Amino acid sequence: MTHLLRDLDDLGGYRVSGDDDDPRGWTVVSCSAVAVATVRTLLVDTESLKARYFICVRTSDSADIALPVSLARLDPGEKQVIFDLTDTTVFGSLPIFRGSLDKDAEDRIQELLIVEKIPEPATRKSADRRAADRRHDH
């Protein structure tokens, strides 16, 4: 079941909860601390009444892009929305937001923003500390 995502600014009488920071107007930065966009508004899930996406104006070309709230970290002191896992160049590859998101667009955004290459595990075995722990001896 797909929930309707609506622009917060179009939901008369709704606002960001007093307990939460309102990131509209904040700078969006990549993992390199480079400014890549500015938050314009929020897309809200109308059933859960939770913000799901930031709708941002991309710095490079002024196009609107959608960025998932779940992948961001907010820094209220600096008024920044930080995407710790995303390289600066990725933001230029995101699809332009044209008023709505379908499942394919959401999947594509997630795929682009999340680091695709998972680091290889360490080659040497980690020590099993339990073997040296006398509490486990019987």
N, C-alpha and C. Protein backbone atom coordinates (compact mmCIF):
# COMPACT_ATOMS: atom_id res chain seq x y z
N MET A 1 0.84 -1.17 0.00
CA MET A 1 0.00 0.00 0.00
C MET A 1 0.89 1.24 0.00
N THR A 2 0.72 2.09 -0.99
CA THR A 2 1.51 3.30 -1.11
C THR A 2 0.77 4.45 -0.44
N HIS A 3 1.44 5.14 0.44
CA HIS A 3 0.84 6.28 1.10
C HIS A 3 1.05 7.51 0.24
N LEU A 4 0.11 8.40 0.30
CA LEU A 4 0.20 9.63 -0.45
C LEU A 4 1.22 10.55 0.19
N LEU A 5 2.14 11.03 -0.59
CA LEU A 5 3.14 11.98 -0.12
C LEU A 5 2.70 13.36 -0.59
N ARG A 6 2.61 14.30 0.35
CA ARG A 6 2.14 15.65 0.02
C ARG A 6 3.13 16.68 0.53
N ASP A 7 3.21 17.76 -0.20
CA ASP A 7 4.05 18.89 0.18
C ASP A 7 3.50 19.50 1.46
N LEU A 8 4.34 19.65 2.47
CA LEU A 8 3.91 20.22 3.74
C LEU A 8 3.26 21.58 3.54
N ASP A 9 3.79 22.37 2.63
CA ASP A 9 3.27 23.71 2.40
C ASP A 9 1.85 23.69 1.83
N ASP A 10 1.45 22.55 1.23
CA ASP A 10 0.09 22.43 0.67
C ASP A 10 -0.91 21.85 1.67
N LEU A 11 -0.43 21.42 2.82
CA LEU A 11 -1.30 20.84 3.85
C LEU A 11 -1.70 21.93 4.83
N GLY A 12 -2.76 22.64 4.52
CA GLY A 12 -3.22 23.74 5.37
C GLY A 12 -3.38 23.30 6.81
N GLY A 13 -2.87 24.11 7.72
CA GLY A 13 -3.01 23.81 9.13
C GLY A 13 -1.95 22.86 9.68
N TYR A 14 -1.10 22.31 8.85
CA TYR A 14 -0.04 21.41 9.31
C TYR A 14 1.27 22.17 9.37
N ARG A 15 2.11 21.77 10.33
CA ARG A 15 3.42 22.38 10.48
C ARG A 15 4.36 21.35 11.08
N VAL A 16 5.63 21.66 11.11
CA VAL A 16 6.61 20.80 11.77
C VAL A 16 6.34 20.86 13.26
N SER A 17 6.35 19.71 13.92
CA SER A 17 6.10 19.62 15.35
C SER A 17 7.06 20.53 16.11
N GLY A 18 6.57 21.11 17.19
CA GLY A 18 7.40 21.98 18.02
C GLY A 18 8.60 21.27 18.62
N ASP A 19 8.54 19.92 18.70
CA ASP A 19 9.65 19.14 19.24
C ASP A 19 10.75 18.87 18.21
N ASP A 20 10.44 19.11 16.94
CA ASP A 20 11.38 18.81 15.85
C ASP A 20 11.93 20.10 15.25
N ASP A 21 13.12 19.99 14.65
CA ASP A 21 13.70 21.11 13.93
C ASP A 21 13.02 21.23 12.57
N ASP A 22 12.78 22.46 12.12
CA ASP A 22 12.22 22.71 10.80
C ASP A 22 13.39 23.03 9.87
N PRO A 23 13.75 22.09 8.98
CA PRO A 23 14.95 22.27 8.16
C PRO A 23 14.74 23.10 6.89
N ARG A 24 13.56 23.64 6.68
CA ARG A 24 13.35 24.45 5.48
C ARG A 24 14.29 25.65 5.50
N GLY A 25 15.00 25.82 4.40
CA GLY A 25 15.99 26.88 4.29
C GLY A 25 17.40 26.46 4.67
N TRP A 26 17.54 25.26 5.24
CA TRP A 26 18.86 24.77 5.63
C TRP A 26 19.66 24.31 4.43
N THR A 27 20.96 24.30 4.57
CA THR A 27 21.88 23.84 3.54
C THR A 27 22.03 22.32 3.61
N VAL A 28 22.01 21.67 2.45
CA VAL A 28 22.26 20.23 2.35
C VAL A 28 23.72 20.05 1.98
N VAL A 29 24.43 19.21 2.75
CA VAL A 29 25.84 18.99 2.48
C VAL A 29 26.13 17.50 2.27
N SER A 30 27.13 17.25 1.46
CA SER A 30 27.57 15.88 1.18
C SER A 30 28.51 15.41 2.28
N CYS A 31 29.00 14.17 2.12
CA CYS A 31 29.96 13.62 3.09
C CYS A 31 31.26 14.41 3.11
N SER A 32 31.52 15.17 2.06
CA SER A 32 32.72 16.00 1.97
C SER A 32 32.50 17.40 2.52
N ALA A 33 31.32 17.63 3.12
CA ALA A 33 30.94 18.94 3.68
C ALA A 33 30.80 20.01 2.60
N VAL A 34 30.47 19.59 1.38
CA VAL A 34 30.24 20.53 0.28
C VAL A 34 28.74 20.81 0.19
N ALA A 35 28.37 22.08 0.10
CA ALA A 35 26.96 22.46 -0.04
C ALA A 35 26.46 22.04 -1.43
N VAL A 36 25.38 21.25 -1.45
CA VAL A 36 24.87 20.75 -2.72
C VAL A 36 23.43 21.18 -3.01
N ALA A 37 22.72 21.67 -1.99
CA ALA A 37 21.33 22.06 -2.18
C ALA A 37 20.85 22.83 -0.96
N THR A 38 19.61 23.34 -1.07
CA THR A 38 18.93 24.01 0.03
C THR A 38 17.54 23.41 0.17
N VAL A 39 17.14 23.09 1.38
CA VAL A 39 15.82 22.50 1.62
C VAL A 39 14.75 23.55 1.35
N ARG A 40 13.82 23.22 0.45
CA ARG A 40 12.71 24.11 0.12
C ARG A 40 11.47 23.77 0.92
N THR A 41 11.14 22.46 0.98
CA THR A 41 9.95 22.01 1.70
C THR A 41 10.12 20.54 2.07
N LEU A 42 9.11 19.96 2.65
CA LEU A 42 9.12 18.55 3.05
C LEU A 42 7.96 17.83 2.39
N LEU A 43 8.19 16.57 2.01
CA LEU A 43 7.10 15.70 1.56
C LEU A 43 6.69 14.87 2.76
N VAL A 44 5.41 14.89 3.06
CA VAL A 44 4.88 14.25 4.25
C VAL A 44 4.01 13.07 3.85
N ASP A 45 4.17 11.95 4.55
CA ASP A 45 3.29 10.79 4.40
C ASP A 45 1.99 11.17 5.11
N THR A 46 0.90 11.25 4.35
CA THR A 46 -0.35 11.75 4.92
C THR A 46 -1.01 10.78 5.89
N GLU A 47 -0.59 9.50 5.87
CA GLU A 47 -1.16 8.57 6.84
C GLU A 47 -0.43 8.63 8.18
N SER A 48 0.89 8.59 8.13
CA SER A 48 1.66 8.60 9.38
C SER A 48 1.97 10.02 9.86
N LEU A 49 1.76 11.00 8.96
CA LEU A 49 2.09 12.40 9.24
C LEU A 49 3.55 12.58 9.62
N LYS A 50 4.41 11.84 8.93
CA LYS A 50 5.86 11.93 9.11
C LYS A 50 6.48 12.46 7.82
N ALA A 51 7.48 13.32 7.97
CA ALA A 51 8.22 13.78 6.80
C ALA A 51 9.03 12.62 6.24
N ARG A 52 8.91 12.38 4.94
CA ARG A 52 9.66 11.29 4.31
C ARG A 52 10.78 11.80 3.40
N TYR A 53 10.58 12.96 2.79
CA TYR A 53 11.58 13.52 1.87
C TYR A 53 11.74 15.01 2.10
N PHE A 54 12.97 15.46 1.90
CA PHE A 54 13.24 16.89 1.78
C PHE A 54 13.14 17.20 0.30
N ILE A 55 12.43 18.23 -0.08
CA ILE A 55 12.46 18.71 -1.46
C ILE A 55 13.42 19.89 -1.44
N CYS A 56 14.47 19.75 -2.24
CA CYS A 56 15.60 20.69 -2.18
C CYS A 56 15.85 21.31 -3.54
N VAL A 57 16.40 22.50 -3.52
CA VAL A 57 16.84 23.17 -4.74
C VAL A 57 18.33 22.88 -4.87
N ARG A 58 18.69 22.16 -5.94
CA ARG A 58 20.09 21.78 -6.16
C ARG A 58 20.91 23.02 -6.50
N THR A 59 22.06 23.15 -5.87
CA THR A 59 22.93 24.30 -6.03
C THR A 59 23.46 24.42 -7.46
N SER A 60 23.79 23.31 -8.10
CA SER A 60 24.43 23.34 -9.41
C SER A 60 23.54 23.84 -10.54
N ASP A 61 22.22 23.59 -10.44
CA ASP A 61 21.35 23.96 -11.57
C ASP A 61 19.96 24.45 -11.15
N SER A 62 19.74 24.64 -9.85
CA SER A 62 18.46 25.12 -9.31
C SER A 62 17.29 24.17 -9.55
N ALA A 63 17.57 22.92 -9.89
CA ALA A 63 16.50 21.94 -10.08
C ALA A 63 16.05 21.41 -8.73
N ASP A 64 14.77 21.05 -8.62
CA ASP A 64 14.26 20.42 -7.40
C ASP A 64 14.65 18.95 -7.39
N ILE A 65 15.10 18.47 -6.24
CA ILE A 65 15.40 17.05 -6.05
C ILE A 65 14.79 16.60 -4.73
N ALA A 66 14.50 15.31 -4.63
CA ALA A 66 13.94 14.73 -3.41
C ALA A 66 15.03 13.93 -2.71
N LEU A 67 15.20 14.19 -1.43
CA LEU A 67 16.21 13.50 -0.63
C LEU A 67 15.53 12.86 0.58
N PRO A 68 15.75 11.56 0.80
CA PRO A 68 15.08 10.86 1.90
C PRO A 68 15.52 11.37 3.28
N VAL A 69 14.55 11.66 4.11
CA VAL A 69 14.81 12.10 5.47
C VAL A 69 15.59 11.01 6.23
N SER A 70 15.27 9.74 5.94
CA SER A 70 15.86 8.62 6.67
C SER A 70 17.37 8.49 6.46
N LEU A 71 17.92 9.08 5.42
CA LEU A 71 19.35 8.97 5.15
C LEU A 71 20.14 10.19 5.62
N ALA A 72 19.45 11.14 6.20
CA ALA A 72 20.09 12.40 6.57
C ALA A 72 20.32 12.50 8.07
N ARG A 73 21.25 13.36 8.40
CA ARG A 73 21.51 13.73 9.79
C ARG A 73 21.38 15.25 9.87
N LEU A 74 20.61 15.73 10.84
CA LEU A 74 20.41 17.17 10.99
C LEU A 74 21.42 17.76 11.97
N ASP A 75 21.96 18.92 11.61
CA ASP A 75 22.83 19.67 12.49
C ASP A 75 22.18 21.03 12.72
N PRO A 76 21.34 21.13 13.77
CA PRO A 76 20.61 22.38 14.02
C PRO A 76 21.52 23.58 14.27
N GLY A 77 22.66 23.34 14.90
CA GLY A 77 23.59 24.44 15.19
C GLY A 77 24.10 25.11 13.93
N GLU A 78 24.40 24.29 12.93
CA GLU A 78 24.92 24.80 11.65
C GLU A 78 23.81 24.99 10.61
N LYS A 79 22.59 24.57 10.97
CA LYS A 79 21.44 24.60 10.05
C LYS A 79 21.80 23.86 8.75
N GLN A 80 22.22 22.59 8.95
CA GLN A 80 22.61 21.75 7.83
C GLN A 80 21.90 20.41 7.88
N VAL A 81 21.61 19.90 6.69
CA VAL A 81 21.12 18.54 6.51
C VAL A 81 22.29 17.80 5.88
N ILE A 82 22.82 16.81 6.60
CA ILE A 82 24.06 16.15 6.20
C ILE A 82 23.79 14.75 5.68
N PHE A 83 24.33 14.45 4.51
CA PHE A 83 24.26 13.10 3.94
C PHE A 83 25.65 12.49 4.05
N ASP A 84 25.90 11.82 5.18
CA ASP A 84 27.22 11.28 5.51
C ASP A 84 27.72 10.23 4.53
N LEU A 85 26.82 9.52 3.86
CA LEU A 85 27.24 8.42 2.99
C LEU A 85 27.34 8.82 1.52
N THR A 86 27.04 10.07 1.20
CA THR A 86 26.88 10.44 -0.20
C THR A 86 27.94 11.43 -0.67
N ASP A 87 28.63 11.06 -1.73
CA ASP A 87 29.64 11.90 -2.35
C ASP A 87 28.98 13.07 -3.08
N THR A 88 29.67 14.17 -3.16
CA THR A 88 29.15 15.39 -3.78
C THR A 88 28.65 15.16 -5.21
N THR A 89 29.36 14.37 -5.99
CA THR A 89 29.00 14.18 -7.40
C THR A 89 27.66 13.47 -7.58
N VAL A 90 27.25 12.68 -6.62
CA VAL A 90 26.00 11.91 -6.72
C VAL A 90 24.79 12.83 -6.82
N PHE A 91 24.81 13.95 -6.13
CA PHE A 91 23.65 14.83 -6.10
C PHE A 91 23.30 15.36 -7.50
N GLY A 92 24.29 15.50 -8.36
CA GLY A 92 24.03 15.93 -9.74
C GLY A 92 23.37 14.86 -10.58
N SER A 93 23.42 13.60 -10.13
CA SER A 93 22.82 12.48 -10.87
C SER A 93 21.38 12.19 -10.45
N LEU A 94 20.91 12.81 -9.38
CA LEU A 94 19.57 12.53 -8.89
C LEU A 94 18.52 13.03 -9.88
N PRO A 95 17.42 12.29 -9.99
CA PRO A 95 16.35 12.73 -10.91
C PRO A 95 15.71 14.02 -10.40
N ILE A 96 15.27 14.84 -11.35
CA ILE A 96 14.57 16.08 -11.01
C ILE A 96 13.20 15.73 -10.45
N PHE A 97 12.84 16.36 -9.36
CA PHE A 97 11.54 16.16 -8.73
C PHE A 97 10.52 17.03 -9.46
N ARG A 98 9.46 16.39 -9.93
CA ARG A 98 8.44 17.09 -10.70
C ARG A 98 7.06 17.02 -10.03
N GLY A 99 7.04 17.06 -8.70
CA GLY A 99 5.78 17.14 -7.99
C GLY A 99 5.30 15.86 -7.33
N SER A 100 5.84 14.71 -7.76
CA SER A 100 5.45 13.44 -7.13
C SER A 100 6.56 12.41 -7.31
N LEU A 101 6.49 11.36 -6.50
CA LEU A 101 7.46 10.27 -6.58
C LEU A 101 6.71 8.96 -6.72
N ASP A 102 7.15 8.14 -7.67
CA ASP A 102 6.61 6.78 -7.74
C ASP A 102 7.65 5.83 -7.15
N LYS A 103 7.30 4.57 -7.02
CA LYS A 103 8.18 3.57 -6.41
C LYS A 103 9.53 3.50 -7.13
N ASP A 104 9.51 3.54 -8.47
CA ASP A 104 10.77 3.48 -9.23
C ASP A 104 11.68 4.67 -8.91
N ALA A 105 11.10 5.86 -8.80
CA ALA A 105 11.90 7.04 -8.48
C ALA A 105 12.47 6.94 -7.07
N GLU A 106 11.65 6.47 -6.12
CA GLU A 106 12.14 6.32 -4.75
C GLU A 106 13.29 5.32 -4.69
N ASP A 107 13.14 4.20 -5.41
CA ASP A 107 14.20 3.18 -5.43
C ASP A 107 15.47 3.73 -6.05
N ARG A 108 15.35 4.50 -7.13
CA ARG A 108 16.52 5.06 -7.82
C ARG A 108 17.25 6.06 -6.91
N ILE A 109 16.50 6.89 -6.20
CA ILE A 109 17.10 7.86 -5.29
C ILE A 109 17.88 7.13 -4.20
N GLN A 110 17.27 6.11 -3.60
CA GLN A 110 17.94 5.33 -2.55
C GLN A 110 19.22 4.70 -3.09
N GLU A 111 19.12 4.12 -4.27
CA GLU A 111 20.27 3.44 -4.88
C GLU A 111 21.43 4.41 -5.10
N LEU A 112 21.13 5.61 -5.55
CA LEU A 112 22.18 6.59 -5.81
C LEU A 112 22.81 7.14 -4.52
N LEU A 113 21.99 7.33 -3.50
CA LEU A 113 22.49 7.98 -2.29
C LEU A 113 23.26 7.06 -1.34
N ILE A 114 22.95 5.79 -1.37
CA ILE A 114 23.61 4.86 -0.46
C ILE A 114 24.87 4.35 -1.11
N VAL A 115 25.93 4.28 -0.34
CA VAL A 115 27.20 3.78 -0.87
C VAL A 115 26.98 2.40 -1.45
N GLU A 116 27.32 2.24 -2.71
CA GLU A 116 27.06 0.96 -3.36
C GLU A 116 28.14 -0.07 -3.07
N LYS A 117 29.38 0.38 -2.87
CA LYS A 117 30.46 -0.56 -2.62
C LYS A 117 30.62 -0.75 -1.12
N ILE A 118 30.35 -1.94 -0.68
CA ILE A 118 30.49 -2.27 0.74
C ILE A 118 31.96 -2.63 0.98
N PRO A 119 32.58 -2.09 2.01
CA PRO A 119 33.98 -2.42 2.28
C PRO A 119 34.16 -3.93 2.48
N GLU A 120 35.27 -4.42 2.01
CA GLU A 120 35.60 -5.83 2.19
C GLU A 120 35.87 -6.11 3.66
N PRO A 121 35.52 -7.30 4.13
CA PRO A 121 35.82 -7.62 5.52
C PRO A 121 37.33 -7.75 5.73
N ALA A 122 37.75 -7.58 6.95
CA ALA A 122 39.18 -7.70 7.27
C ALA A 122 39.66 -9.09 6.89
N THR A 123 40.89 -9.17 6.40
CA THR A 123 41.42 -10.46 5.95
C THR A 123 41.88 -11.34 7.09
N ARG A 124 42.32 -10.73 8.18
CA ARG A 124 42.76 -11.57 9.29
C ARG A 124 41.58 -11.80 10.23
N LYS A 125 41.59 -12.94 10.88
CA LYS A 125 40.52 -13.27 11.81
C LYS A 125 40.66 -12.42 13.05
N SER A 126 39.52 -12.01 13.58
CA SER A 126 39.57 -11.26 14.83
C SER A 126 39.73 -12.27 15.97
N ALA A 127 40.35 -11.80 17.03
CA ALA A 127 40.58 -12.67 18.19
C ALA A 127 39.25 -12.98 18.86
N ASP A 128 39.08 -14.22 19.26
CA ASP A 128 37.88 -14.62 20.01
C ASP A 128 38.22 -14.45 21.48
N ARG A 129 37.78 -13.32 22.05
CA ARG A 129 38.12 -12.99 23.43
C ARG A 129 37.46 -13.94 24.42
N ARG A 130 36.42 -14.62 23.99
CA ARG A 130 35.75 -15.53 24.91
C ARG A 130 36.65 -16.68 25.33
N ALA A 131 37.56 -17.08 24.46
CA ALA A 131 38.45 -18.20 24.77
C ALA A 131 39.34 -17.88 25.97
N ALA A 132 39.69 -16.62 26.13
CA ALA A 132 40.56 -16.22 27.24
C ALA A 132 39.78 -15.79 28.47
N ASP A 133 38.50 -15.76 28.35
CA ASP A 133 37.65 -15.32 29.47
C ASP A 133 37.34 -16.51 30.36
N ARG A 134 37.83 -16.48 31.58
CA ARG A 134 37.66 -17.61 32.50
C ARG A 134 36.21 -17.86 32.89
N ARG A 135 35.37 -16.84 32.75
CA ARG A 135 33.97 -17.03 33.14
C ARG A 135 33.27 -18.05 32.24
N HIS A 136 33.84 -18.31 31.07
CA HIS A 136 33.22 -19.27 30.16
C HIS A 136 33.78 -20.68 30.33
N ASP A 137 34.80 -20.83 31.18
CA ASP A 137 35.36 -22.17 31.42
C ASP A 137 34.43 -22.94 32.32
N HIS A 138 34.29 -24.22 32.06
CA HIS A 138 33.43 -25.08 32.88
C HIS A 138 34.23 -26.09 33.64
